[in-house]
Amino acid sequence: MGADLRALGPHLEQYGVAGALAEPQVTIYDGGGKRYENQRPLAPGTYTVHVTGKNDSEGVVLLEIYEGP
């Protein structure tokens, strides 16, 4: 089973969200704290997802996680 992740920043402005993060960056870590290197599909397990802004920028972001077949 896999998962798709999406971080929305700029698209939130069209819904009236002020201060949306301009360039969201997503980093995934496995249960042991090791950075997950974009392997497909995402293997079952425990993960931590960090969303940050480019150049340490800050703002509002919506993180979506979809479980797939």
PDB file of N, CA and C in Angstrom:
ATOM      1  N   MET A   1       0.846  -1.173   0.000  1.00  0.00           N
ATOM      2  CA  MET A   1       0.000   0.000   0.000  1.00  0.00           C
ATOM      3  C   MET A   1       0.889   1.233   0.000  1.00  0.00           C
ATOM      4  N   GLY A   2       0.538   2.241  -0.751  1.00  0.00           N
ATOM      5  CA  GLY A   2       1.337   3.449  -0.844  1.00  0.00           C
ATOM      6  C   GLY A   2       0.592   4.654  -0.310  1.00  0.00           C
ATOM      7  N   ALA A   3       1.253   5.782  -0.374  1.00  0.00           N
ATOM      8  CA  ALA A   3       0.651   7.032   0.072  1.00  0.00           C
ATOM      9  C   ALA A   3       1.164   8.162  -0.804  1.00  0.00           C
ATOM     10  N   ASP A   4       0.320   9.150  -1.001  1.00  0.00           N
ATOM     11  CA  ASP A   4       0.706  10.364  -1.713  1.00  0.00           C
ATOM     12  C   ASP A   4       0.600  11.526  -0.740  1.00  0.00           C
ATOM     13  N   LEU A   5       1.586  12.407  -0.769  1.00  0.00           N
ATOM     14  CA  LEU A   5       1.597  13.579   0.093  1.00  0.00           C
ATOM     15  C   LEU A   5       1.602  14.824  -0.766  1.00  0.00           C
ATOM     16  N   ARG A   6       0.909  15.844  -0.274  1.00  0.00           N
ATOM     17  CA  ARG A   6       0.868  17.112  -0.993  1.00  0.00           C
ATOM     18  C   ARG A   6       0.815  18.234   0.036  1.00  0.00           C
ATOM     19  N   ALA A   7       1.672  19.228  -0.123  1.00  0.00           N
ATOM     20  CA  ALA A   7       1.675  20.400   0.748  1.00  0.00           C
ATOM     21  C   ALA A   7       1.211  21.599  -0.069  1.00  0.00           C
ATOM     22  N   LEU A   8       0.116  22.195   0.340  1.00  0.00           N
ATOM     23  CA  LEU A   8      -0.444  23.345  -0.363  1.00  0.00           C
ATOM     24  C   LEU A   8      -0.122  24.623   0.396  1.00  0.00           C
ATOM     25  N   GLY A   9       0.444  25.575  -0.293  1.00  0.00           N
ATOM     26  CA  GLY A   9       0.731  26.873   0.295  1.00  0.00           C
ATOM     27  C   GLY A   9       0.055  27.960  -0.512  1.00  0.00           C
ATOM     28  N   PRO A  10       0.631  28.328  -1.664  1.00  0.00           N
ATOM     29  CA  PRO A  10       0.092  29.427  -2.459  1.00  0.00           C
ATOM     30  C   PRO A  10      -1.367  29.238  -2.884  1.00  0.00           C
ATOM     31  N   HIS A  11      -1.788  28.007  -3.101  1.00  0.00           N
ATOM     32  CA  HIS A  11      -3.168  27.750  -3.535  1.00  0.00           C
ATOM     33  C   HIS A  11      -4.190  28.126  -2.470  1.00  0.00           C
ATOM     34  N   LEU A  12      -3.764  28.236  -1.229  1.00  0.00           N
ATOM     35  CA  LEU A  12      -4.683  28.577  -0.146  1.00  0.00           C
ATOM     36  C   LEU A  12      -5.164  30.022  -0.233  1.00  0.00           C
ATOM     37  N   GLU A  13      -4.385  30.879  -0.876  1.00  0.00           N
ATOM     38  CA  GLU A  13      -4.753  32.291  -0.980  1.00  0.00           C
ATOM     39  C   GLU A  13      -6.062  32.492  -1.727  1.00  0.00           C
ATOM     40  N   GLN A  14      -6.363  31.628  -2.696  1.00  0.00           N
ATOM     41  CA  GLN A  14      -7.620  31.765  -3.436  1.00  0.00           C
ATOM     42  C   GLN A  14      -8.839  31.471  -2.562  1.00  0.00           C
ATOM     43  N   TYR A  15      -8.605  30.890  -1.381  1.00  0.00           N
ATOM     44  CA  TYR A  15      -9.686  30.608  -0.435  1.00  0.00           C
ATOM     45  C   TYR A  15      -9.683  31.597   0.726  1.00  0.00           C
ATOM     46  N   GLY A  16      -8.929  32.668   0.573  1.00  0.00           N
ATOM     47  CA  GLY A  16      -8.912  33.718   1.576  1.00  0.00           C
ATOM     48  C   GLY A  16      -7.985  33.475   2.750  1.00  0.00           C
ATOM     49  N   VAL A  17      -7.073  32.514   2.634  1.00  0.00           N
ATOM     50  CA  VAL A  17      -6.128  32.233   3.713  1.00  0.00           C
ATOM     51  C   VAL A  17      -4.960  33.210   3.596  1.00  0.00           C
ATOM     52  N   ALA A  18      -4.790  34.023   4.625  1.00  0.00           N
ATOM     53  CA  ALA A  18      -3.703  35.003   4.628  1.00  0.00           C
ATOM     54  C   ALA A  18      -2.417  34.354   5.136  1.00  0.00           C
ATOM     55  N   GLY A  19      -1.305  34.787   4.601  1.00  0.00           N
ATOM     56  CA  GLY A  19      -0.005  34.325   5.083  1.00  0.00           C
ATOM     57  C   GLY A  19       0.370  32.920   4.651  1.00  0.00           C
ATOM     58  N   ALA A  20      -0.113  32.494   3.490  1.00  0.00           N
ATOM     59  CA  ALA A  20       0.200  31.145   3.002  1.00  0.00           C
ATOM     60  C   ALA A  20       1.688  31.022   2.668  1.00  0.00           C
ATOM     61  N   LEU A  21       2.244  29.871   2.954  1.00  0.00           N
ATOM     62  CA  LEU A  21       3.657  29.603   2.683  1.00  0.00           C
ATOM     63  C   LEU A  21       3.889  29.539   1.177  1.00  0.00           C
ATOM     64  N   ALA A  22       4.833  30.333   0.685  1.00  0.00           N
ATOM     65  CA  ALA A  22       5.048  30.460  -0.757  1.00  0.00           C
ATOM     66  C   ALA A  22       5.607  29.197  -1.404  1.00  0.00           C
ATOM     67  N   GLU A  23       6.584  28.572  -0.796  1.00  0.00           N
ATOM     68  CA  GLU A  23       7.231  27.402  -1.403  1.00  0.00           C
ATOM     69  C   GLU A  23       7.416  26.299  -0.366  1.00  0.00           C
ATOM     70  N   PRO A  24       6.363  25.514  -0.094  1.00  0.00           N
ATOM     71  CA  PRO A  24       6.488  24.448   0.906  1.00  0.00           C
ATOM     72  C   PRO A  24       7.477  23.372   0.466  1.00  0.00           C
ATOM     73  N   GLN A  25       8.277  22.914   1.414  1.00  0.00           N
ATOM     74  CA  GLN A  25       9.235  21.839   1.194  1.00  0.00           C
ATOM     75  C   GLN A  25       8.855  20.693   2.134  1.00  0.00           C
ATOM     76  N   VAL A  26       8.659  19.493   1.599  1.00  0.00           N
ATOM     77  CA  VAL A  26       8.245  18.339   2.401  1.00  0.00           C
ATOM     78  C   VAL A  26       9.433  17.399   2.592  1.00  0.00           C
ATOM     79  N   THR A  27       9.670  16.999   3.837  1.00  0.00           N
ATOM     80  CA  THR A  27      10.697  16.016   4.164  1.00  0.00           C
ATOM     81  C   THR A  27      10.045  14.926   4.996  1.00  0.00           C
ATOM     82  N   ILE A  28      10.317  13.668   4.645  1.00  0.00           N
ATOM     83  CA  ILE A  28       9.741  12.524   5.347  1.00  0.00           C
ATOM     84  C   ILE A  28      10.863  11.778   6.060  1.00  0.00           C
ATOM     85  N   TYR A  29      10.610  11.405   7.318  1.00  0.00           N
ATOM     86  CA  TYR A  29      11.559  10.624   8.107  1.00  0.00           C
ATOM     87  C   TYR A  29      10.894   9.317   8.514  1.00  0.00           C
ATOM     88  N   ASP A  30      11.660   8.227   8.475  1.00  0.00           N
ATOM     89  CA  ASP A  30      11.100   6.941   8.901  1.00  0.00           C
ATOM     90  C   ASP A  30      11.089   6.864  10.424  1.00  0.00           C
ATOM     91  N   GLY A  31      10.578   5.768  10.959  1.00  0.00           N
ATOM     92  CA  GLY A  31      10.447   5.604  12.400  1.00  0.00           C
ATOM     93  C   GLY A  31      11.747   5.690  13.167  1.00  0.00           C
ATOM     94  N   GLY A  32      12.866   5.446  12.501  1.00  0.00           N
ATOM     95  CA  GLY A  32      14.175   5.535  13.138  1.00  0.00           C
ATOM     96  C   GLY A  32      14.815   6.905  13.020  1.00  0.00           C
ATOM     97  N   GLY A  33      14.112   7.862  12.400  1.00  0.00           N
ATOM     98  CA  GLY A  33      14.638   9.209  12.244  1.00  0.00           C
ATOM     99  C   GLY A  33      15.480   9.414  11.003  1.00  0.00           C
ATOM    100  N   LYS A  34      15.567   8.385  10.141  1.00  0.00           N
ATOM    101  CA  LYS A  34      16.343   8.498   8.905  1.00  0.00           C
ATOM    102  C   LYS A  34      15.482   9.152   7.824  1.00  0.00           C
ATOM    103  N   ARG A  35      16.102  10.070   7.092  1.00  0.00           N
ATOM    104  CA  ARG A  35      15.387  10.754   6.013  1.00  0.00           C
ATOM    105  C   ARG A  35      14.958   9.743   4.955  1.00  0.00           C
ATOM    106  N   TYR A  36      13.694   9.781   4.593  1.00  0.00           N
ATOM    107  CA  TYR A  36      13.145   8.862   3.599  1.00  0.00           C
ATOM    108  C   TYR A  36      13.445   9.429   2.221  1.00  0.00           C
ATOM    109  N   GLU A  37      14.112   8.672   1.382  1.00  0.00           N
ATOM    110  CA  GLU A  37      14.612   9.166   0.096  1.00  0.00           C
ATOM    111  C   GLU A  37      13.697   8.854  -1.084  1.00  0.00           C
ATOM    112  N   ASN A  38      12.502   9.369  -1.082  1.00  0.00           N
ATOM    113  CA  ASN A  38      11.570   9.322  -2.219  1.00  0.00           C
ATOM    114  C   ASN A  38      11.484   7.962  -2.899  1.00  0.00           C
ATOM    115  N   GLN A  39      11.377   6.926  -2.114  1.00  0.00           N
ATOM    116  CA  GLN A  39      11.202   5.590  -2.668  1.00  0.00           C
ATOM    117  C   GLN A  39       9.717   5.362  -2.910  1.00  0.00           C
ATOM    118  N   ARG A  40       9.414   4.629  -3.959  1.00  0.00           N
ATOM    119  CA  ARG A  40       8.019   4.320  -4.281  1.00  0.00           C
ATOM    120  C   ARG A  40       7.817   2.843  -4.236  1.00  0.00           C
ATOM    121  N   PRO A  41       6.765   2.312  -3.738  1.00  0.00           N
ATOM    122  CA  PRO A  41       5.777   3.031  -2.935  1.00  0.00           C
ATOM    123  C   PRO A  41       6.273   3.202  -1.507  1.00  0.00           C
ATOM    124  N   LEU A  42       5.613   4.064  -0.771  1.00  0.00           N
ATOM    125  CA  LEU A  42       5.933   4.270   0.635  1.00  0.00           C
ATOM    126  C   LEU A  42       5.594   2.993   1.389  1.00  0.00           C
ATOM    127  N   ALA A  43       6.591   2.374   1.988  1.00  0.00           N
ATOM    128  CA  ALA A  43       6.404   1.096   2.678  1.00  0.00           C
ATOM    129  C   ALA A  43       5.606   1.292   3.968  1.00  0.00           C
ATOM    130  N   PRO A  44       4.855   0.272   4.393  1.00  0.00           N
ATOM    131  CA  PRO A  44       4.129   0.379   5.662  1.00  0.00           C
ATOM    132  C   PRO A  44       5.098   0.670   6.808  1.00  0.00           C
ATOM    133  N   GLY A  45       4.666   1.470   7.748  1.00  0.00           N
ATOM    134  CA  GLY A  45       5.507   1.796   8.892  1.00  0.00           C
ATOM    135  C   GLY A  45       5.120   3.123   9.504  1.00  0.00           C
ATOM    136  N   THR A  46       5.976   3.596  10.378  1.00  0.00           N
ATOM    137  CA  THR A  46       5.768   4.860  11.077  1.00  0.00           C
ATOM    138  C   THR A  46       6.662   5.923  10.453  1.00  0.00           C
ATOM    139  N   TYR A  47       6.088   7.098  10.204  1.00  0.00           N
ATOM    140  CA  TYR A  47       6.828   8.187   9.577  1.00  0.00           C
ATOM    141  C   TYR A  47       6.501   9.507  10.253  1.00  0.00           C
ATOM    142  N   THR A  48       7.408  10.450  10.107  1.00  0.00           N
ATOM    143  CA  THR A  48       7.188  11.826  10.532  1.00  0.00           C
ATOM    144  C   THR A  48       7.346  12.693   9.293  1.00  0.00           C
ATOM    145  N   VAL A  49       6.434  13.639   9.114  1.00  0.00           N
ATOM    146  CA  VAL A  49       6.491  14.533   7.963  1.00  0.00           C
ATOM    147  C   VAL A  49       6.752  15.951   8.464  1.00  0.00           C
ATOM    148  N   HIS A  50       7.764  16.599   7.891  1.00  0.00           N
ATOM    149  CA  HIS A  50       8.084  17.985   8.219  1.00  0.00           C
ATOM    150  C   HIS A  50       7.800  18.835   6.985  1.00  0.00           C
ATOM    151  N   VAL A  51       7.073  19.921   7.169  1.00  0.00           N
ATOM    152  CA  VAL A  51       6.848  20.881   6.095  1.00  0.00           C
ATOM    153  C   VAL A  51       7.504  22.183   6.526  1.00  0.00           C
ATOM    154  N   THR A  52       8.426  22.653   5.710  1.00  0.00           N
ATOM    155  CA  THR A  52       9.144  23.886   6.002  1.00  0.00           C
ATOM    156  C   THR A  52       9.075  24.799   4.791  1.00  0.00           C
ATOM    157  N   GLY A  53       9.472  26.038   4.985  1.00  0.00           N
ATOM    158  CA  GLY A  53       9.509  26.985   3.888  1.00  0.00           C
ATOM    159  C   GLY A  53      10.910  27.119   3.338  1.00  0.00           C
ATOM    160  N   LYS A  54      11.000  27.394   2.055  1.00  0.00           N
ATOM    161  CA  LYS A  54      12.299  27.617   1.427  1.00  0.00           C
ATOM    162  C   LYS A  54      12.966  28.815   2.098  1.00  0.00           C
ATOM    163  N   ASN A  55      14.258  28.705   2.359  1.00  0.00           N
ATOM    164  CA  ASN A  55      15.037  29.771   3.010  1.00  0.00           C
ATOM    165  C   ASN A  55      14.463  30.143   4.374  1.00  0.00           C
ATOM    166  N   ASP A  56      13.944  29.140   5.097  1.00  0.00           N
ATOM    167  CA  ASP A  56      13.397  29.332   6.451  1.00  0.00           C
ATOM    168  C   ASP A  56      12.203  30.278   6.502  1.00  0.00           C
ATOM    169  N   SER A  57      11.478  30.428   5.393  1.00  0.00           N
ATOM    170  CA  SER A  57      10.284  31.267   5.415  1.00  0.00           C
ATOM    171  C   SER A  57       9.192  30.573   6.227  1.00  0.00           C
ATOM    172  N   GLU A  58       8.228  31.356   6.680  1.00  0.00           N
ATOM    173  CA  GLU A  58       7.139  30.836   7.496  1.00  0.00           C
ATOM    174  C   GLU A  58       5.805  31.162   6.851  1.00  0.00           C
ATOM    175  N   GLY A  59       4.786  30.374   7.184  1.00  0.00           N
ATOM    176  CA  GLY A  59       3.453  30.639   6.676  1.00  0.00           C
ATOM    177  C   GLY A  59       2.527  29.472   6.927  1.00  0.00           C
ATOM    178  N   VAL A  60       1.319  29.622   6.454  1.00  0.00           N
ATOM    179  CA  VAL A  60       0.274  28.613   6.622  1.00  0.00           C
ATOM    180  C   VAL A  60       0.364  27.608   5.483  1.00  0.00           C
ATOM    181  N   VAL A  61       0.220  26.332   5.809  1.00  0.00           N
ATOM    182  CA  VAL A  61       0.271  25.277   4.800  1.00  0.00           C
ATOM    183  C   VAL A  61      -0.767  24.216   5.144  1.00  0.00           C
ATOM    184  N   LEU A  62      -1.294  23.573   4.133  1.00  0.00           N
ATOM    185  CA  LEU A  62      -2.200  22.441   4.314  1.00  0.00           C
ATOM    186  C   LEU A  62      -1.480  21.203   3.806  1.00  0.00           C
ATOM    187  N   LEU A  63      -1.262  20.238   4.688  1.00  0.00           N
ATOM    188  CA  LEU A  63      -0.624  18.981   4.311  1.00  0.00           C
ATOM    189  C   LEU A  63      -1.708  17.938   4.112  1.00  0.00           C
ATOM    190  N   GLU A  64      -1.718  17.325   2.935  1.00  0.00           N
ATOM    191  CA  GLU A  64      -2.684  16.271   2.629  1.00  0.00           C
ATOM    192  C   GLU A  64      -1.935  14.958   2.457  1.00  0.00           C
ATOM    193  N   ILE A  65      -2.470  13.897   3.054  1.00  0.00           N
ATOM    194  CA  ILE A  65      -1.890  12.562   2.923  1.00  0.00           C
ATOM    195  C   ILE A  65      -2.994  11.632   2.460  1.00  0.00           C
ATOM    196  N   TYR A  66      -2.761  10.986   1.330  1.00  0.00           N
ATOM    197  CA  TYR A  66      -3.746  10.078   0.750  1.00  0.00           C
ATOM    198  C   TYR A  66      -3.189   8.667   0.730  1.00  0.00           C
ATOM    199  N   GLU A  67      -3.950   7.742   1.258  1.00  0.00           N
ATOM    200  CA  GLU A  67      -3.572   6.335   1.223  1.00  0.00           C
ATOM    201  C   GLU A  67      -4.070   5.743  -0.084  1.00  0.00           C
ATOM    202  N   GLY A  68      -3.186   5.047  -0.780  1.00  0.00           N
ATOM    203  CA  GLY A  68      -3.552   4.488  -2.074  1.00  0.00           C
ATOM    204  C   GLY A  68      -3.470   2.981  -2.086  1.00  0.00           C
ATOM    205  N   PRO A  69      -3.843   2.410  -3.221  1.00  0.00           N
ATOM    206  CA  PRO A  69      -3.804   0.948  -3.338  1.00  0.00           C
ATOM    207  C   PRO A  69      -2.378   0.408  -3.377  1.00  0.00           C
TER     208      PRO A  69
END
